[in-house]
Amino acid sequence: MASTTCPNCGAALTEKPTLFGPGKPGLHCGSCQTSFADGATAQGLFALAGIPLGDVKTAVDRGAPKSTGAARTCPTCGKTLARFVLKGIELDLCVDCGTTAFDPGELHRLTGGKLGTAPSAPKQGVFEMLWDCEHCDTKDLLGKTNRYCPVCGAPQDPKRRRFPAPGEETAANTTYDGTDKACPACATPNGAKAIHCRHCGSPMDGSSDVKRVADQLDGQSVDAAAKVAAPPPAKKKLWPWIAGAAVVLLCGVCGVGAMWTKSSKATVNGHTWARSIDIERFGPVSDSAWCDSMPSGAYDVSRSKKQRSTNKVPDGETCSTRNIDRGDGTFERKQECKPKYREEPVYDTHCAFKVDRWAKDRAVNAKGSLSDAPTWPSVSNLRGGSSIGSEREGPRHETYTVSFGGPKGESWTCDFSEAQWQSLREGSSHDVKVRVMTGGLDCGSVFSSK
């Protein structure tokens, strides 16, 4: 469903029959200067920029890895605009009707200057500041030219200087001598080279600089701009603090529970041991890897495209305009630009394959008690060699377990080294530590308490 308001800023949209050129209509927002081209017009613009529609579809399918701002709604059909990156420019396109949004300057960049215009920047240079006379209320006096009010003759108050609005600048054609000095006697601002005050005649010895107006960034004071750029402080919510306190308390209880022990007796009831040998078989194993690191000898290979990493790609500049009070009734306006980047996915070919290698096939086991000397299981009838189906011995594993009984009928088991296992006589009693919360035996205390 068509909308008459801009999905970007909410201002009214204007339909212009030649917005993108003769026979190329579009919707335009006079507030944020965003333009919307319908599907047919957008296709023509992409063609003019030398971009095949297949590349546009690929870019839309991949999308932008990290887009800024909220999703916007298509003013033509009401569906959500998909955000994507094309030739280094982040655009919004409706996948249903093809309508495409162009922010200021984007069409100019996309078509290499053939269509659209580059965003205009405020005039740069040195201009006069303005001030208002507090005595007769005369407005917009020039800070350098009008040292005194031409209506009532009152001296200029440097604290009342301000930056003019864009488009209202008056170029300053005077030489810069330095920051004005405030007369020690009457506080009237004088030029930096003044020897006597032009208002009261007092010597300017020991005079200090007048107070300057804080820098203005993109039409706002630096402090206000910083507040706008910073996210609004989140409202403090009580539940995260309660949840955090509960987690800390739970961790504390668990930690105390794990460390809190009491003394007890443990009697050795029995011994068991277990030994096993892995048997490895040489044969096909399924695996996957990036194709450029696929092992030699891989076969039954299937390939697919996957994101492997991201690249930081230059994406124009972020520019701001700074007004700097020079302290003599003039100010300097200059543009400050910093490069900006976007993260773009890097795709590569990923391979699934089979490769012949050694892998665990089974295990042979042996077990016994203290009366049985621990031995390794017998391995026989292995098919040797290095061809498919060949077998070999792999890693060996062994455990030595002692079972204990407690004075109140408790039953515990602990694994020890072979030497410790053999040193514990059946029926012997030991001073041990038992965890209060879980009732488990602290196996390390069996020997540490001796």
Protein backbone atom coordinates (compact mmCIF):
# COMPACT_ATOMS: atom_id res chain seq x y z
CA MET A 1 0.00 0.00 0.00
CA ALA A 2 1.47 3.36 -1.06
CA SER A 3 2.44 5.86 1.63
CA THR A 4 2.44 9.65 1.42
CA THR A 5 5.03 10.05 4.17
CA CYS A 6 8.76 9.44 4.14
CA PRO A 7 9.66 6.17 5.92
CA ASN A 8 12.96 7.76 6.90
CA CYS A 9 11.82 10.91 8.71
CA GLY A 10 8.00 10.95 8.50
CA ALA A 11 7.78 14.11 6.37
CA ALA A 12 5.43 14.37 3.38
CA LEU A 13 6.63 12.87 0.09
CA THR A 14 6.28 14.78 -3.19
CA GLU A 15 5.78 12.98 -6.50
CA LYS A 16 8.06 14.39 -9.20
CA PRO A 17 7.65 13.14 -12.81
CA THR A 18 11.28 13.90 -13.78
CA LEU A 19 13.03 13.39 -10.45
CA PHE A 20 15.62 11.05 -11.97
CA GLY A 21 15.56 12.54 -15.46
CA PRO A 22 13.06 12.77 -18.37
CA GLY A 23 10.53 9.97 -18.07
CA LYS A 24 12.03 8.84 -14.74
CA PRO A 25 9.53 9.72 -11.97
CA GLY A 26 10.08 9.34 -8.27
CA LEU A 27 9.03 10.35 -4.78
CA HIS A 28 11.11 12.97 -2.96
CA CYS A 29 11.31 14.01 0.68
CA GLY A 30 12.03 17.72 1.06
CA SER A 31 13.04 17.24 4.69
CA CYS A 32 15.74 14.54 4.64
CA GLN A 33 16.26 14.74 0.85
CA THR A 34 15.73 10.98 0.37
CA SER A 35 14.51 9.97 -3.11
CA PHE A 36 12.53 6.83 -4.00
CA ALA A 37 12.61 5.25 -7.48
CA ASP A 38 10.06 2.62 -8.49
CA GLY A 39 11.23 -0.78 -9.78
CA ALA A 40 11.40 0.14 -13.48
CA THR A 41 13.19 3.44 -12.83
CA ALA A 42 15.62 1.78 -10.40
CA GLN A 43 16.53 -0.83 -13.02
CA GLY A 44 17.35 1.95 -15.48
CA LEU A 45 19.51 3.70 -12.88
CA PHE A 46 21.42 0.49 -12.12
CA ALA A 47 21.95 -0.03 -15.85
CA LEU A 48 23.26 3.54 -16.15
CA ALA A 49 25.69 2.82 -13.33
CA GLY A 50 26.89 -0.31 -15.18
CA ILE A 51 25.56 -2.73 -12.57
CA PRO A 52 23.94 -5.97 -13.86
CA LEU A 53 20.66 -6.90 -12.17
CA GLY A 54 22.24 -10.23 -11.22
CA ASP A 55 24.79 -8.34 -9.13
CA VAL A 56 21.98 -6.40 -7.48
CA LYS A 57 20.16 -9.62 -6.59
CA THR A 58 23.35 -11.17 -5.20
CA ALA A 59 23.98 -8.08 -3.07
CA VAL A 60 20.39 -8.13 -1.75
CA ASP A 61 20.61 -11.85 -0.93
CA ARG A 62 23.82 -11.36 1.01
CA GLY A 63 22.65 -8.18 2.68
CA ALA A 64 24.78 -5.82 4.72
CA PRO A 65 26.71 -7.55 7.52
CA LYS A 66 26.32 -4.62 9.87
CA SER A 67 23.69 -2.08 8.89
CA THR A 68 23.06 1.09 10.81
CA GLY A 69 19.63 2.47 11.63
CA ALA A 70 16.21 0.86 11.73
CA ALA A 71 14.58 -0.94 8.81
CA ARG A 72 12.49 1.30 6.54
CA THR A 73 9.14 0.60 4.87
CA CYS A 74 8.59 0.79 1.12
CA PRO A 75 6.44 3.86 0.31
CA THR A 76 5.09 2.08 -2.79
CA CYS A 77 3.81 -1.24 -1.44
CA GLY A 78 4.31 -1.02 2.34
CA LYS A 79 6.72 -3.98 2.59
CA THR A 80 10.07 -3.79 4.41
CA LEU A 81 13.02 -2.43 2.44
CA ALA A 82 16.00 -4.81 2.34
CA ARG A 83 19.33 -3.19 3.17
CA PHE A 84 22.34 -4.15 1.06
CA VAL A 85 25.70 -2.84 -0.14
CA LEU A 86 26.34 -2.05 -3.81
CA LYS A 87 29.61 -0.57 -5.10
CA GLY A 88 30.46 0.45 -1.56
CA ILE A 89 27.13 2.24 -1.04
CA GLU A 90 24.51 1.06 1.47
CA LEU A 91 21.05 1.18 -0.14
CA ASP A 92 17.50 0.04 0.63
CA LEU A 93 15.46 -1.91 -1.92
CA CYS A 94 12.02 -3.51 -1.79
CA VAL A 95 12.29 -7.12 -2.94
CA ASP A 96 8.54 -7.16 -3.73
CA CYS A 97 8.19 -4.17 -6.07
CA GLY A 98 11.78 -3.08 -6.68
CA THR A 99 11.42 0.43 -5.22
CA THR A 100 14.85 1.71 -4.15
CA ALA A 101 15.70 4.49 -1.69
CA PHE A 102 18.60 6.86 -2.37
CA ASP A 103 19.88 9.07 0.45
CA PRO A 104 21.46 12.43 -0.45
CA GLY A 105 24.53 11.96 -2.65
CA GLU A 106 24.11 8.18 -3.06
CA LEU A 107 22.76 8.30 -6.62
CA HIS A 108 25.58 10.69 -7.58
CA ARG A 109 28.16 8.21 -6.27
CA LEU A 110 26.40 5.16 -7.70
CA THR A 111 26.25 6.55 -11.26
CA GLY A 112 29.71 8.07 -11.17
CA GLY A 113 28.30 11.62 -11.22
CA LYS A 114 25.93 11.02 -14.17
CA LEU A 115 22.81 11.49 -12.05
CA GLY A 116 22.07 13.20 -8.78
CA THR A 117 24.21 15.76 -7.03
CA ALA A 118 26.90 15.53 -4.41
CA PRO A 119 25.76 16.67 -0.95
CA SER A 120 26.53 20.34 -0.53
CA ALA A 121 28.69 21.40 2.39
CA PRO A 122 28.35 24.72 4.24
CA LYS A 123 30.62 27.50 3.06
CA GLN A 124 34.08 27.39 4.59
CA GLY A 125 36.34 30.26 5.50
CA VAL A 126 36.48 33.11 8.01
CA PHE A 127 33.26 34.99 8.78
CA GLU A 128 32.07 37.62 11.21
CA MET A 129 30.20 36.58 14.31
CA LEU A 130 26.96 38.28 15.33
CA TRP A 131 25.91 40.00 18.55
CA ASP A 132 22.82 41.72 19.94
CA CYS A 133 22.98 45.00 21.82
CA GLU A 134 21.61 44.47 25.31
CA HIS A 135 20.93 48.20 25.77
CA CYS A 136 18.78 49.08 22.74
CA ASP A 137 18.00 45.54 21.55
CA THR A 138 19.53 46.05 18.11
CA LYS A 139 19.96 42.60 16.55
CA ASP A 140 22.52 40.83 14.37
CA LEU A 141 25.42 43.28 14.66
CA LEU A 142 28.69 42.15 13.06
CA GLY A 143 31.25 41.05 15.64
CA LYS A 144 34.33 42.54 13.94
CA THR A 145 32.86 45.51 12.13
CA ASN A 146 30.57 46.76 14.90
CA ARG A 147 32.74 47.12 17.98
CA TYR A 148 30.07 49.50 19.26
CA CYS A 149 26.33 49.53 18.68
CA PRO A 150 25.68 51.93 15.77
CA VAL A 151 22.31 52.86 17.30
CA CYS A 152 23.13 53.65 20.94
CA GLY A 153 26.92 53.52 21.02
CA ALA A 154 27.13 50.82 23.70
CA PRO A 155 30.32 48.72 23.58
CA GLN A 156 30.09 45.16 22.36
CA ASP A 157 29.79 42.42 24.98
CA PRO A 158 31.93 39.46 23.77
CA LYS A 159 29.81 37.06 25.82
CA ARG A 160 26.86 37.87 23.55
CA ARG A 161 28.65 36.87 20.35
CA ARG A 162 27.14 33.97 18.44
CA PHE A 163 27.58 32.06 15.20
CA PRO A 164 25.28 33.04 12.32
CA ALA A 165 22.92 30.50 10.80
CA PRO A 166 24.05 28.78 7.56
CA GLY A 167 23.43 31.06 4.61
CA GLU A 168 23.65 34.23 6.74
CA GLU A 169 27.45 34.43 6.86
CA THR A 170 29.35 37.64 6.20
CA ALA A 171 32.94 37.16 5.08
CA ALA A 172 35.57 38.73 7.31
CA ASN A 173 38.10 40.64 5.23
CA THR A 174 40.26 41.82 8.12
CA THR A 175 43.66 40.61 9.25
CA TYR A 176 43.67 38.39 12.31
CA ASP A 177 45.75 39.95 15.10
CA GLY A 178 44.79 37.55 17.86
CA THR A 179 42.13 37.16 20.53
CA ASP A 180 40.53 40.35 21.84
CA LYS A 181 41.65 41.64 25.23
CA ALA A 182 39.20 42.80 27.89
CA CYS A 183 39.96 46.22 29.35
CA PRO A 184 40.94 45.81 33.04
CA ALA A 185 38.98 48.98 33.87
CA CYS A 186 35.73 48.81 31.88
CA ALA A 187 35.82 45.24 30.45
CA THR A 188 35.32 46.58 26.90
CA PRO A 189 36.86 44.21 24.31
CA ASN A 190 39.78 45.70 22.39
CA GLY A 191 41.91 44.35 19.57
CA ALA A 192 44.87 42.20 20.54
CA LYS A 193 47.33 44.99 19.59
CA ALA A 194 45.55 47.77 21.51
CA ILE A 195 47.75 49.69 23.99
CA HIS A 196 44.95 51.81 25.50
CA CYS A 197 41.26 50.99 25.75
CA ARG A 198 39.36 52.60 22.89
CA HIS A 199 36.40 53.12 25.25
CA CYS A 200 37.86 54.54 28.45
CA GLY A 201 41.51 55.10 27.55
CA SER A 202 42.91 52.95 30.33
CA PRO A 203 46.18 51.14 29.64
CA MET A 204 45.73 47.55 28.52
CA ASP A 205 48.60 46.23 30.62
CA GLY A 206 47.62 43.01 32.37
CA SER A 207 44.46 42.56 30.30
CA SER A 208 43.19 39.03 29.72
CA ASP A 209 41.63 37.37 26.69
CA VAL A 210 37.89 37.66 26.31
CA LYS A 211 35.92 34.50 26.76
CA ARG A 212 35.35 32.66 23.51
CA VAL A 213 32.16 30.95 22.40
CA ALA A 214 32.41 27.18 22.52
CA ASP A 215 33.02 25.44 19.19
CA GLN A 216 29.94 24.58 17.18
CA LEU A 217 29.75 21.21 15.43
CA ASP A 218 27.21 20.79 12.62
CA GLY A 219 25.13 23.68 13.91
CA GLN A 220 25.19 22.63 17.57
CA SER A 221 27.49 23.41 20.45
CA VAL A 222 30.08 20.72 20.99
CA ASP A 223 28.45 19.71 24.29
CA ALA A 224 25.00 19.45 22.68
CA ALA A 225 26.41 17.52 19.71
CA ALA A 226 28.07 15.08 22.07
CA LYS A 227 24.77 14.54 23.87
CA VAL A 228 22.99 13.90 20.57
CA ALA A 229 25.68 11.46 19.42
CA ALA A 230 25.69 9.58 22.70
CA PRO A 231 22.89 7.07 23.25
CA PRO A 232 20.31 8.17 25.82
CA PRO A 233 21.02 6.79 29.28
CA ALA A 234 19.08 3.62 29.85
CA LYS A 235 16.51 3.67 32.57
CA LYS A 236 17.70 1.81 35.59
CA LYS A 237 15.81 -1.39 36.05
CA LEU A 238 15.69 -3.22 39.33
CA TRP A 239 15.32 -6.76 38.06
CA PRO A 240 18.85 -7.07 36.53
CA TRP A 241 20.31 -6.15 39.91
CA ILE A 242 18.11 -8.68 41.66
CA ALA A 243 19.00 -11.38 39.10
CA GLY A 244 22.71 -10.54 39.39
CA ALA A 245 22.58 -10.68 43.17
CA ALA A 246 20.80 -14.04 42.98
CA VAL A 247 23.47 -15.44 40.63
CA VAL A 248 26.26 -14.18 42.89
CA LEU A 249 24.52 -15.67 45.91
CA LEU A 250 24.00 -19.00 44.14
CA CYS A 251 27.64 -19.12 43.04
CA GLY A 252 28.69 -18.31 46.57
CA VAL A 253 26.53 -21.09 47.98
CA CYS A 254 27.87 -23.56 45.42
CA GLY A 255 31.43 -22.50 46.13
CA VAL A 256 30.96 -22.82 49.88
CA GLY A 257 29.20 -26.13 49.36
CA ALA A 258 32.08 -27.46 47.30
CA MET A 259 34.69 -26.36 49.87
CA TRP A 260 32.75 -27.06 53.08
CA THR A 261 33.83 -30.43 54.41
CA LYS A 262 33.70 -32.40 57.65
CA SER A 263 35.98 -35.07 59.04
CA SER A 264 35.01 -38.73 58.75
CA LYS A 265 36.40 -42.26 58.44
CA ALA A 266 36.61 -44.30 55.25
CA THR A 267 37.29 -48.04 55.10
CA VAL A 268 38.75 -49.68 51.99
CA ASN A 269 36.24 -52.22 50.69
CA GLY A 270 37.71 -53.26 47.35
CA HIS A 271 39.92 -52.62 44.35
CA THR A 272 39.25 -52.79 40.62
CA TRP A 273 41.36 -51.98 37.60
CA ALA A 274 40.58 -51.58 33.91
CA ARG A 275 42.86 -51.34 30.90
CA SER A 276 41.95 -50.85 27.26
CA ILE A 277 43.72 -50.49 23.91
CA ASP A 278 42.14 -48.62 21.02
CA ILE A 279 42.20 -50.42 17.70
CA GLU A 280 42.51 -48.06 14.74
CA ARG A 281 41.44 -48.91 11.22
CA PHE A 282 42.66 -47.29 8.03
CA GLY A 283 39.76 -46.32 5.78
CA PRO A 284 37.42 -43.59 4.52
CA VAL A 285 36.55 -40.84 7.00
CA SER A 286 34.11 -37.98 6.32
CA ASP A 287 35.50 -34.51 6.98
CA SER A 288 35.27 -30.89 5.80
CA ALA A 289 37.61 -27.93 5.43
CA TRP A 290 38.23 -24.84 3.35
CA CYS A 291 39.10 -26.11 -0.08
CA ASP A 292 42.52 -24.43 -0.10
CA SER A 293 43.50 -26.48 2.96
CA MET A 294 41.87 -29.75 1.92
CA PRO A 295 44.25 -32.70 2.47
CA SER A 296 45.77 -34.43 -0.50
CA GLY A 297 44.05 -37.67 -1.37
CA ALA A 298 40.57 -36.34 -0.58
CA TYR A 299 37.76 -37.68 -2.78
CA ASP A 300 33.96 -37.55 -3.15
CA VAL A 301 34.35 -33.77 -2.82
CA SER A 302 31.33 -31.45 -2.72
CA ARG A 303 31.75 -27.67 -2.68
CA SER A 304 29.68 -24.83 -1.28
CA LYS A 305 30.10 -21.12 -0.68
CA LYS A 306 30.41 -20.01 2.95
CA GLN A 307 31.41 -16.84 4.72
CA ARG A 308 35.01 -17.22 5.83
CA SER A 309 35.80 -13.80 7.25
CA THR A 310 34.99 -10.12 6.94
CA ASN A 311 36.89 -7.24 5.37
CA LYS A 312 36.87 -3.60 6.37
CA VAL A 313 36.02 -1.77 3.19
CA PRO A 314 36.29 2.03 2.78
CA ASP A 315 32.79 3.49 2.59
CA GLY A 316 33.31 7.17 1.99
CA GLU A 317 33.81 9.71 4.73
CA THR A 318 31.94 11.05 7.70
CA CYS A 319 32.21 14.83 7.54
CA SER A 320 31.21 17.47 10.04
CA THR A 321 31.43 21.25 9.97
CA ARG A 322 33.13 22.98 12.89
CA ASN A 323 32.76 26.69 13.76
CA ILE A 324 35.69 27.99 15.81
CA ASP A 325 35.50 31.35 17.57
CA ARG A 326 38.77 33.19 16.88
CA GLY A 327 38.09 35.57 19.76
CA ASP A 328 38.23 38.82 17.73
CA GLY A 329 34.62 38.93 16.54
CA THR A 330 35.25 36.47 13.71
CA PHE A 331 35.08 32.72 13.44
CA GLU A 332 36.58 30.09 11.19
CA ARG A 333 34.42 27.43 9.61
CA LYS A 334 36.17 24.29 8.43
CA GLN A 335 35.13 20.82 7.44
CA GLU A 336 36.52 17.82 9.32
CA CYS A 337 36.30 14.46 7.58
CA LYS A 338 37.17 11.02 8.81
CA PRO A 339 37.16 7.87 6.68
CA LYS A 340 34.40 5.43 7.49
CA TYR A 341 34.37 1.72 6.86
CA ARG A 342 31.87 -1.07 6.63
CA GLU A 343 32.40 -4.75 7.26
CA GLU A 344 31.77 -6.79 4.15
CA PRO A 345 31.60 -10.61 4.19
CA VAL A 346 34.35 -12.54 2.45
CA TYR A 347 33.06 -15.73 0.87
CA ASP A 348 35.17 -18.74 0.01
CA THR A 349 34.71 -22.30 -1.18
CA HIS A 350 34.16 -24.88 1.57
CA CYS A 351 34.63 -28.58 0.80
CA ALA A 352 33.04 -31.70 2.27
CA PHE A 353 35.01 -34.81 1.38
CA LYS A 354 36.18 -38.26 2.31
CA VAL A 355 39.80 -39.08 3.02
CA ASP A 356 41.54 -42.34 3.92
CA ARG A 357 43.13 -42.06 7.37
CA TRP A 358 43.57 -43.91 10.64
CA ALA A 359 40.60 -43.66 13.03
CA LYS A 360 39.42 -45.53 16.12
CA ASP A 361 37.35 -48.56 15.15
CA ARG A 362 36.95 -50.40 18.47
CA ALA A 363 38.73 -51.18 21.73
CA VAL A 364 39.90 -54.37 23.50
CA ASN A 365 39.51 -54.38 27.28
CA ALA A 366 40.78 -56.13 30.38
CA LYS A 367 39.77 -55.72 34.03
CA GLY A 368 40.33 -57.31 37.40
CA SER A 369 40.74 -56.83 41.15
CA LEU A 370 43.66 -56.43 43.54
CA SER A 371 44.32 -60.17 43.44
CA ASP A 372 44.79 -59.97 39.69
CA ALA A 373 47.96 -58.30 38.52
CA PRO A 374 47.01 -55.51 36.09
CA THR A 375 47.81 -56.60 32.56
CA TRP A 376 47.14 -55.24 29.11
CA PRO A 377 44.56 -57.08 27.03
CA SER A 378 45.83 -59.36 24.31
CA VAL A 379 45.64 -57.96 20.80
CA SER A 380 45.75 -60.46 17.96
CA ASN A 381 44.63 -61.06 14.40
CA LEU A 382 45.19 -57.45 13.34
CA ARG A 383 45.43 -56.89 9.63
CA GLY A 384 48.71 -55.07 9.20
CA GLY A 385 49.83 -52.76 6.43
CA SER A 386 48.67 -49.34 5.23
CA SER A 387 45.95 -50.23 2.75
CA ILE A 388 42.19 -49.88 3.18
CA GLY A 389 41.03 -52.11 6.05
CA SER A 390 44.45 -52.30 7.74
CA GLU A 391 44.47 -52.21 11.55
CA ARG A 392 46.91 -51.12 14.25
CA GLU A 393 47.09 -50.49 17.98
CA GLY A 394 46.20 -46.99 19.10
CA PRO A 395 46.34 -45.15 22.45
CA ARG A 396 46.16 -47.09 25.73
CA HIS A 397 43.99 -46.19 28.74
CA GLU A 398 44.03 -47.41 32.35
CA THR A 399 42.07 -46.68 35.55
CA TYR A 400 42.61 -47.87 39.13
CA THR A 401 39.52 -47.58 41.34
CA VAL A 402 39.15 -48.06 45.10
CA SER A 403 35.75 -48.43 46.78
CA PHE A 404 35.26 -47.10 50.32
CA GLY A 405 32.59 -47.45 52.98
CA GLY A 406 31.65 -44.84 55.59
CA PRO A 407 30.66 -45.19 59.27
CA LYS A 408 27.01 -44.52 58.42
CA GLY A 409 26.78 -46.90 55.49
CA GLU A 410 28.09 -44.42 52.91
CA SER A 411 29.62 -45.79 49.70
CA TRP A 412 32.32 -43.96 47.75
CA THR A 413 34.73 -44.66 44.89
CA CYS A 414 37.95 -42.90 43.94
CA ASP A 415 40.43 -43.28 41.08
CA PHE A 416 44.15 -43.21 41.97
CA SER A 417 47.51 -43.84 40.38
CA GLU A 418 48.56 -47.49 40.24
CA ALA A 419 51.08 -47.03 43.07
CA GLN A 420 48.50 -45.36 45.37
CA TRP A 421 45.92 -47.97 44.43
CA GLN A 422 48.23 -50.79 45.46
CA SER A 423 49.23 -49.08 48.74
CA LEU A 424 45.68 -49.06 50.11
CA ARG A 425 45.06 -52.34 51.96
CA GLU A 426 41.56 -53.76 51.98
CA GLY A 427 39.95 -53.26 55.40
CA SER A 428 42.26 -50.37 56.31
CA SER A 429 40.64 -47.23 57.76
CA HIS A 430 41.57 -43.67 56.84
CA ASP A 431 40.81 -40.19 58.12
CA VAL A 432 39.11 -38.34 55.24
CA LYS A 433 37.10 -35.23 54.42
CA VAL A 434 33.47 -35.49 53.25
CA ARG A 435 31.66 -32.62 51.53
CA VAL A 436 28.81 -31.38 53.72
CA MET A 437 26.46 -30.34 50.93
CA THR A 438 26.79 -33.35 48.63
CA GLY A 439 28.05 -36.08 50.93
CA GLY A 440 30.81 -36.93 48.43
CA LEU A 441 34.27 -38.06 49.49
CA ASP A 442 37.18 -35.69 48.88
CA CYS A 443 39.47 -38.28 47.28
CA GLY A 444 42.53 -36.08 47.74
CA SER A 445 42.08 -36.25 51.52
CA VAL A 446 42.69 -40.02 51.58
CA PHE A 447 46.45 -39.43 51.31
CA SER A 448 46.73 -35.80 52.46
CA SER A 449 45.35 -36.67 55.91
CA LYS A 450 48.13 -39.18 56.55
